[in-house]
Protein backbone atom coordinates (compact mmCIF):
# COMPACT_ATOMS: atom_id res chain seq x y z
CA MET A 1 -31.47 17.48 3.15
CA SER A 2 -30.70 14.59 5.14
CA ILE A 3 -27.38 12.81 5.12
CA PRO A 4 -26.93 9.37 5.97
CA ASP A 5 -26.57 6.98 8.69
CA PRO A 6 -23.09 8.00 9.44
CA PHE A 7 -22.57 4.85 11.27
CA GLN A 8 -23.80 3.09 8.13
CA PHE A 9 -22.65 4.89 5.20
CA SER A 10 -19.17 4.48 6.97
CA ALA A 11 -19.28 0.94 7.61
CA ALA A 12 -20.38 0.11 3.61
CA TRP A 13 -16.97 2.58 2.85
CA GLU A 14 -15.02 0.66 4.98
CA ALA A 15 -16.42 -2.79 3.88
CA ALA A 16 -15.91 -1.33 -0.14
CA TRP A 17 -12.76 -0.62 0.42
CA ASN A 18 -10.67 -3.91 2.72
CA ALA A 19 -13.17 -5.93 -0.32
CA HIS A 20 -11.51 -3.64 -3.12
CA ASP A 21 -14.67 -3.58 -4.23
CA LEU A 22 -14.48 -0.04 -6.84
CA ASP A 23 -18.39 -0.56 -7.40
CA ALA A 24 -19.77 -1.30 -4.46
CA LEU A 25 -17.36 1.97 -3.03
CA LEU A 26 -18.42 4.16 -6.75
CA ALA A 27 -22.13 3.81 -5.92
CA HIS A 28 -21.58 6.49 -3.36
CA PHE A 29 -20.37 8.73 -5.25
CA HIS A 30 -21.56 11.42 -7.92
CA ASP A 31 -20.78 10.98 -11.34
CA ASP A 32 -19.07 14.57 -11.19
CA VAL A 33 -18.05 14.14 -7.90
CA VAL A 34 -14.72 15.84 -7.73
CA PHE A 35 -11.84 14.71 -5.40
CA THR A 36 -9.12 16.14 -3.49
CA SER A 37 -6.23 13.94 -2.44
CA PRO A 38 -2.37 13.90 -2.43
CA LYS A 39 -1.87 10.49 -3.03
CA ALA A 40 -3.74 11.32 -6.61
CA ALA A 41 -0.74 14.17 -7.36
CA SER A 42 1.80 10.56 -7.16
CA ILE A 43 -0.42 7.62 -9.09
CA LEU A 44 -1.78 10.15 -11.69
CA PRO A 45 0.45 13.08 -12.07
CA ASP A 46 -1.35 14.57 -14.75
CA THR A 47 -4.03 15.17 -12.11
CA ARG A 48 -1.79 17.59 -9.45
CA GLY A 49 -4.53 16.65 -6.41
CA ILE A 50 -7.35 17.05 -8.21
CA VAL A 51 -9.76 14.07 -8.78
CA ARG A 52 -12.97 15.10 -11.76
CA GLY A 53 -15.02 13.01 -12.81
CA LYS A 54 -16.72 9.06 -10.93
CA GLU A 55 -14.24 7.24 -14.47
CA GLN A 56 -10.92 9.43 -12.79
CA LEU A 57 -11.63 8.32 -9.85
CA ARG A 58 -11.67 4.93 -10.86
CA ALA A 59 -9.01 5.29 -12.95
CA TYR A 60 -6.92 7.18 -9.27
CA TRP A 61 -8.21 4.12 -6.26
CA ALA A 62 -7.87 1.01 -9.69
CA GLU A 63 -4.58 1.69 -9.74
CA GLY A 64 -4.08 2.99 -6.43
CA LEU A 65 -4.93 -1.13 -5.29
CA ARG A 66 -2.12 -2.09 -8.11
CA LEU A 67 0.32 -0.42 -6.06
CA ILE A 68 -0.81 -1.08 -2.57
CA PRO A 69 -2.88 -4.79 -2.37
CA ASP A 70 -2.87 -5.19 1.15
CA LEU A 71 -4.67 -1.58 0.85
CA HIS A 72 -6.67 -1.94 3.85
CA PHE A 73 -8.41 1.06 6.22
CA THR A 74 -10.51 0.41 9.72
CA VAL A 75 -12.60 3.06 10.61
CA VAL A 76 -11.88 5.16 13.73
CA ASP A 77 -14.03 7.24 14.12
CA VAL A 78 -16.90 9.71 12.15
CA HIS A 79 -17.80 13.22 12.61
CA ALA A 80 -21.48 14.90 10.31
CA GLY A 81 -21.92 17.94 9.45
CA VAL A 82 -24.54 20.08 7.28
CA ALA A 83 -24.60 17.94 3.97
CA THR A 84 -21.43 16.73 5.50
CA LEU A 85 -19.19 13.28 6.66
CA VAL A 86 -16.40 13.03 8.33
CA ILE A 87 -14.63 8.75 8.32
CA GLN A 88 -11.51 9.05 9.70
CA TYR A 89 -9.30 5.93 9.74
CA ARG A 90 -6.14 4.13 9.47
CA ASN A 91 -3.97 2.39 6.92
CA GLN A 92 -2.66 0.05 6.36
CA THR A 93 0.25 1.09 7.44
CA GLY A 94 -1.26 2.19 10.68
CA ASP A 95 -1.55 6.20 9.70
CA LEU A 96 -4.65 8.66 11.21
CA VAL A 97 -6.73 9.91 7.56
CA ASP A 98 -9.04 12.00 7.40
CA GLU A 99 -11.79 11.86 3.84
CA VAL A 100 -14.55 14.10 4.01
CA LEU A 101 -17.68 14.27 2.16
CA VAL A 102 -19.93 16.81 0.68
CA LEU A 103 -22.95 15.11 -0.29
CA GLY A 104 -25.32 15.94 -2.69
CA ASP A 105 -29.04 16.64 -2.63
CA ASP A 106 -29.60 12.72 -3.82
CA ALA A 107 -26.96 12.14 -0.33
CA ARG A 108 -24.33 11.11 -2.78
CA VAL A 109 -20.91 12.63 -2.47
CA VAL A 110 -20.49 15.10 -4.73
CA GLU A 111 -16.87 16.74 -3.32
CA GLY A 112 -14.83 14.30 -1.19
CA HIS A 113 -11.42 15.47 0.37
CA ALA A 114 -8.64 12.96 1.29
CA THR A 115 -6.36 14.74 4.91
CA TYR A 116 -3.11 13.91 6.08
CA ARG A 117 -0.81 13.86 8.80
CA PRO A 118 2.38 16.26 7.95
CA ALA A 119 5.53 14.21 7.30
CA THR A 120 7.22 16.90 9.82
CA VAL A 121 4.29 18.93 12.39
CA SER A 122 5.97 22.30 14.21
CA GLU A 123 4.59 22.03 17.36
CA PRO A 124 3.40 25.41 18.52
CA GLN A 125 6.39 27.79 20.14
CA PRO A 126 6.02 28.79 23.65
CA ARG A 127 5.34 33.09 24.24
CA PRO A 128 8.34 34.96 25.89
């Protein structure tokens, strides 16, 4: 299976987010998408962080945009794998986020995972 051009995909993704255009954004997602995010757990607690289906994803993102009206993303980097894209971006607070997107046969996202840097990262301890 071929994946869409990673740079074109991420540019369209970024533009849709920054325009707060959910229809344009969701056009890239399969109807039966599964999306995980720790932010979903706080915005829609019943999901426990696992959003199932495009309509629930729309509800999650719509509520997120309502709660964060200045939401803005800047793509920093893009990585491509086998049927997988990873979009690394900075959000409106400057936090670095990675979104892992698994693509189906029709090149739409069937699975996505928003990943965030932990608030506290423990450094490896030197060996004695």
